[in-house]
């Protein structure tokens, strides 16, 4: 019986760790949209520099990888044309 409880405890702990891994990026996405919305509401216009600034502020760990890959690939080839 104790072996069964240990297995249940381990499964519960792992599921809580996995759930927290999915929740954190969701809050970062919410903060990103709030940042973009705040800038758009203040100035009445939104530039690409503003969007990139919010992105870098919230997702700073992956900003360099996405900017280099997006600048090297043309957008017209992205949809298969």
N, C-alpha and C. Protein backbone atom coordinates (compact mmCIF):
# COMPACT_ATOMS: atom_id res chain seq x y z
N UNK A 1 0.82 -1.20 0.00
CA UNK A 1 0.00 0.00 0.00
C UNK A 1 0.86 1.27 0.00
N UNK A 2 2.00 1.22 0.73
CA UNK A 2 2.85 2.41 0.78
C UNK A 2 3.51 2.68 -0.57
N UNK A 3 3.81 1.64 -1.33
CA UNK A 3 4.37 1.80 -2.66
C UNK A 3 3.38 2.52 -3.57
N UNK A 4 2.11 2.17 -3.45
CA UNK A 4 1.06 2.82 -4.23
C UNK A 4 0.98 4.31 -3.89
N UNK A 5 1.06 4.66 -2.62
CA UNK A 5 1.00 6.06 -2.20
C UNK A 5 2.23 6.83 -2.67
N UNK A 6 3.38 6.19 -2.70
CA UNK A 6 4.58 6.84 -3.20
C UNK A 6 4.45 7.15 -4.69
N UNK A 7 3.91 6.21 -5.43
CA UNK A 7 3.72 6.43 -6.87
C UNK A 7 2.73 7.57 -7.10
N UNK A 8 1.64 7.58 -6.34
CA UNK A 8 0.66 8.67 -6.46
C UNK A 8 1.30 10.00 -6.11
N UNK A 9 2.13 10.03 -5.08
CA UNK A 9 2.82 11.27 -4.69
C UNK A 9 3.76 11.77 -5.77
N UNK A 10 4.50 10.86 -6.37
CA UNK A 10 5.44 11.24 -7.43
C UNK A 10 4.69 11.74 -8.66
N UNK A 11 3.62 11.07 -9.03
CA UNK A 11 2.83 11.50 -10.18
C UNK A 11 2.21 12.87 -9.93
N UNK A 12 1.72 13.09 -8.72
CA UNK A 12 1.14 14.39 -8.38
C UNK A 12 2.20 15.50 -8.44
N UNK A 13 3.37 15.24 -7.89
CA UNK A 13 4.44 16.24 -7.92
C UNK A 13 4.85 16.57 -9.34
N UNK A 14 5.00 15.56 -10.18
CA UNK A 14 5.36 15.80 -11.56
C UNK A 14 4.29 16.58 -12.32
N UNK A 15 3.05 16.29 -12.05
CA UNK A 15 1.98 17.01 -12.74
C UNK A 15 1.93 18.48 -12.30
N UNK A 16 2.22 18.76 -11.05
CA UNK A 16 2.26 20.15 -10.59
C UNK A 16 3.43 20.92 -11.21
N UNK A 17 4.55 20.26 -11.33
CA UNK A 17 5.71 20.90 -11.97
C UNK A 17 5.43 21.18 -13.44
N UNK A 18 4.82 20.23 -14.12
CA UNK A 18 4.50 20.44 -15.53
C UNK A 18 3.45 21.53 -15.71
N UNK A 19 2.48 21.59 -14.83
CA UNK A 19 1.44 22.63 -14.93
C UNK A 19 2.04 24.01 -14.74
N UNK A 20 2.98 24.15 -13.81
CA UNK A 20 3.59 25.47 -13.60
C UNK A 20 4.45 25.87 -14.80
N UNK A 21 4.99 24.91 -15.52
CA UNK A 21 5.78 25.23 -16.71
C UNK A 21 4.92 25.80 -17.82
N UNK A 22 3.64 25.42 -17.88
CA UNK A 22 2.74 25.95 -18.90
C UNK A 22 2.11 27.27 -18.50
N UNK A 23 1.97 27.54 -17.23
CA UNK A 23 1.31 28.76 -16.76
C UNK A 23 2.22 29.97 -16.90
N UNK A 24 3.50 29.84 -16.64
CA UNK A 24 4.42 30.98 -16.69
C UNK A 24 4.46 31.65 -18.06
N UNK A 25 4.59 30.93 -19.18
CA UNK A 25 4.57 31.60 -20.48
C UNK A 25 3.23 32.28 -20.77
N UNK A 26 2.15 31.77 -20.22
CA UNK A 26 0.86 32.40 -20.45
C UNK A 26 0.82 33.79 -19.80
N UNK A 27 1.41 33.94 -18.63
CA UNK A 27 1.47 35.25 -17.99
C UNK A 27 2.37 36.20 -18.75
N UNK A 28 3.45 35.70 -19.33
CA UNK A 28 4.33 36.54 -20.14
C UNK A 28 3.60 37.03 -21.38
N UNK A 29 2.79 36.18 -21.98
CA UNK A 29 2.02 36.59 -23.15
C UNK A 29 0.99 37.65 -22.77
N UNK A 30 0.39 37.50 -21.60
CA UNK A 30 -0.58 38.50 -21.13
C UNK A 30 0.12 39.84 -20.91
N UNK A 31 1.29 39.83 -20.30
CA UNK A 31 2.03 41.08 -20.08
C UNK A 31 2.44 41.71 -21.40
N UNK A 32 2.79 40.88 -22.40
CA UNK A 32 3.16 41.39 -23.72
C UNK A 32 1.97 42.12 -24.36
N UNK A 33 0.81 41.48 -24.35
CA UNK A 33 -0.37 42.14 -24.93
C UNK A 33 -0.74 43.39 -24.16
N UNK A 34 -0.59 43.39 -22.84
CA UNK A 34 -0.87 44.58 -22.04
C UNK A 34 0.08 45.71 -22.40
N UNK A 35 1.35 45.38 -22.62
CA UNK A 35 2.34 46.39 -23.01
C UNK A 35 1.98 47.01 -24.36
N UNK A 36 1.68 46.17 -25.33
CA UNK A 36 1.32 46.66 -26.67
C UNK A 36 0.06 47.51 -26.60
N UNK A 37 -0.93 47.06 -25.86
CA UNK A 37 -2.19 47.80 -25.74
C UNK A 37 -1.97 49.14 -25.06
N UNK A 38 -1.14 49.16 -24.03
CA UNK A 38 -0.88 50.41 -23.31
C UNK A 38 -0.21 51.45 -24.21
N UNK A 39 0.76 51.02 -25.00
CA UNK A 39 1.44 51.94 -25.91
C UNK A 39 0.47 52.45 -26.98
N UNK A 40 -0.33 51.56 -27.52
CA UNK A 40 -1.29 51.97 -28.56
C UNK A 40 -2.34 52.94 -28.00
N UNK A 41 -2.77 52.72 -26.78
CA UNK A 41 -3.77 53.61 -26.19
C UNK A 41 -3.19 54.96 -25.81
N UNK A 42 -1.92 55.01 -25.41
CA UNK A 42 -1.30 56.28 -25.03
C UNK A 42 -1.07 57.18 -26.23
N UNK A 43 -0.48 56.61 -27.30
CA UNK A 43 -0.08 57.46 -28.42
C UNK A 43 -1.08 57.46 -29.58
N UNK A 44 -1.97 56.49 -29.63
CA UNK A 44 -2.91 56.41 -30.71
C UNK A 44 -2.34 55.75 -31.95
N UNK A 45 -1.09 55.35 -31.89
CA UNK A 45 -0.47 54.63 -33.00
C UNK A 45 0.53 53.64 -32.43
N UNK A 46 0.81 52.61 -33.20
CA UNK A 46 1.71 51.55 -32.75
C UNK A 46 2.69 51.25 -33.87
N UNK A 47 3.96 51.40 -33.56
CA UNK A 47 4.99 51.12 -34.57
C UNK A 47 5.60 49.75 -34.34
N UNK A 48 6.32 49.29 -35.32
CA UNK A 48 7.00 48.01 -35.21
C UNK A 48 8.07 48.06 -34.10
N UNK A 49 8.68 49.23 -33.92
CA UNK A 49 9.66 49.40 -32.85
C UNK A 49 9.01 49.24 -31.48
N UNK A 50 7.77 49.73 -31.33
CA UNK A 50 7.04 49.56 -30.07
C UNK A 50 6.74 48.09 -29.80
N UNK A 51 6.33 47.38 -30.84
CA UNK A 51 6.02 45.95 -30.69
C UNK A 51 7.28 45.18 -30.33
N UNK A 52 8.38 45.48 -31.01
CA UNK A 52 9.65 44.81 -30.70
C UNK A 52 10.13 45.13 -29.29
N UNK A 53 9.90 46.36 -28.86
CA UNK A 53 10.30 46.75 -27.51
C UNK A 53 9.53 45.95 -26.47
N UNK A 54 8.23 45.80 -26.65
CA UNK A 54 7.43 44.99 -25.72
C UNK A 54 7.85 43.53 -25.77
N UNK A 55 8.15 43.04 -26.96
CA UNK A 55 8.57 41.64 -27.09
C UNK A 55 9.89 41.40 -26.36
N UNK A 56 10.83 42.32 -26.56
CA UNK A 56 12.13 42.17 -25.90
C UNK A 56 12.00 42.29 -24.39
N UNK A 57 11.06 43.10 -23.94
CA UNK A 57 10.88 43.28 -22.50
C UNK A 57 10.30 42.03 -21.85
N UNK A 58 9.39 41.35 -22.50
CA UNK A 58 8.72 40.20 -21.91
C UNK A 58 9.38 38.86 -22.25
N UNK A 59 9.94 38.74 -23.45
CA UNK A 59 10.54 37.48 -23.89
C UNK A 59 12.01 37.70 -24.20
N UNK A 60 12.73 38.29 -23.27
CA UNK A 60 14.11 38.69 -23.51
C UNK A 60 15.05 37.51 -23.75
N UNK A 61 14.70 36.32 -23.30
CA UNK A 61 15.62 35.20 -23.47
C UNK A 61 15.67 34.69 -24.91
N UNK A 62 14.64 34.92 -25.70
CA UNK A 62 14.62 34.39 -27.07
C UNK A 62 14.54 35.48 -28.13
N UNK A 63 14.79 36.72 -27.79
CA UNK A 63 14.62 37.81 -28.74
C UNK A 63 15.67 37.79 -29.85
N UNK A 64 16.91 37.39 -29.53
CA UNK A 64 17.95 37.42 -30.55
C UNK A 64 17.77 36.32 -31.57
N UNK A 65 17.32 35.18 -31.16
CA UNK A 65 17.15 34.06 -32.09
C UNK A 65 16.01 34.33 -33.08
N UNK A 66 14.93 34.93 -32.61
CA UNK A 66 13.80 35.18 -33.51
C UNK A 66 14.07 36.33 -34.45
N UNK A 67 14.82 37.35 -34.01
CA UNK A 67 15.07 38.48 -34.89
C UNK A 67 16.04 38.11 -36.01
N UNK A 68 17.00 37.22 -35.73
CA UNK A 68 17.93 36.84 -36.78
C UNK A 68 17.26 35.92 -37.79
N UNK A 69 16.37 35.05 -37.35
CA UNK A 69 15.73 34.14 -38.29
C UNK A 69 14.66 34.86 -39.11
N UNK A 70 14.02 35.86 -38.54
CA UNK A 70 12.98 36.56 -39.29
C UNK A 70 13.58 37.51 -40.32
N UNK A 71 14.78 38.03 -40.06
CA UNK A 71 15.38 38.94 -41.02
C UNK A 71 15.99 38.20 -42.20
N UNK A 72 16.36 36.92 -42.01
CA UNK A 72 16.99 36.20 -43.09
C UNK A 72 15.99 35.51 -44.01
N UNK A 73 14.77 35.29 -43.55
CA UNK A 73 13.78 34.61 -44.38
C UNK A 73 12.75 35.60 -44.89
N UNK A 74 12.58 35.72 -46.20
CA UNK A 74 11.56 36.61 -46.74
C UNK A 74 10.16 36.11 -46.41
N UNK A 75 9.26 37.06 -46.20
CA UNK A 75 7.91 36.69 -45.79
C UNK A 75 7.08 36.15 -46.95
N UNK A 76 7.45 36.44 -48.20
CA UNK A 76 6.67 35.96 -49.32
C UNK A 76 6.79 34.45 -49.49
N UNK A 77 7.88 33.84 -49.00
CA UNK A 77 8.06 32.41 -49.12
C UNK A 77 7.43 31.66 -47.96
N UNK A 78 6.99 32.35 -46.95
CA UNK A 78 6.45 31.70 -45.76
C UNK A 78 5.14 30.97 -46.05
N UNK A 79 4.36 31.46 -47.01
CA UNK A 79 3.08 30.81 -47.28
C UNK A 79 3.14 29.87 -48.50
N UNK A 80 4.33 29.59 -48.98
CA UNK A 80 4.48 28.62 -50.05
C UNK A 80 4.36 29.18 -51.45
N UNK A 81 4.33 30.46 -51.62
CA UNK A 81 4.21 31.07 -52.95
C UNK A 81 5.56 31.35 -53.54
